[in-house]
């Protein structure tokens, strides 16, 4: 279990730092596009697809992607070695890393209520870590493998539609859907066949493997847009809520993850507190976000 916890912590710091670097790159690109290139923002207020691609190619964003890769490796290892409700909630502590670095790098101002919500998340995560039991046996049917693929496709499409409907007001919604997709990715990584031992033919024909691709690409795109149009803290907190709830519930109900004997009630309370705290930070971050601040973000160097 120790290796799984260390891997989850690695993912936590990798993802947390990546979010800030990606936000810096995305906002810098958005500011340049708004000043130099007409048509980079759609009629709804959301950035165009081309603008999102340009944002993803800035040096800061590319550095964030490299850290995302480190975090992804850590998430894969942890998802297969410890209960999903533990691995995902440890990784969700990247919110703290994002918030602190956001203050230093992006000039984000956090109020007392933000810090109280963040502390709630951290304490709840510690409780979850202390009350986690054993990882499940991973005996799943074909229906579960196809189900996670269908779920990923539906939510990826729903996220794109939400952006079209909400436009510039869709940052938190996009972050939440991205989180749900990353949660589905964690479930898919956990159940995919042909990994241990490695059997490429089995791996490539498993629907769960394709769910990893769909959920990963969809979540990455939606979170990139969320960082362009909204508060990095709010978008990241919404991401935390989505990527924690889905795999945590699925891990317990379908994959056999357990808590320490007699402490199931405490796991439930800590889980609710962690998600509630993350949602609170999302709401506060969205309320504190100023569009003017995004437009005047410093240029990438």
Foldseek 3Di string as FASTA:
>chain_A
DVLLLVLLLLLQQLLLQLLLLLLLLLLQLVLVCVVPPPPQADPLQFGDPVSLVNSCPFPSNVVSVVSNVSSVVSLLSNLQFFQLLLSLLSSLLSLVSNVVVCCVQQVDDDDPLLVVLSVLLVVLSVLLVVWWDGFFPLDDDLCVQQVLLVVLVVLLVVLVVQCVVNPLLCLLVLLLSLLLLLLSLSVLSNNAPCVVVHDPVSRVPGSSNVSNVSSVVSSVSSNSSSSNRFFSSLSSLSSSLNNNPNSNVCRVPPRPTGTHPPCPVSNVVSSVSNNVSSNSSNVVRRVSIDPVSSSPRDHRD
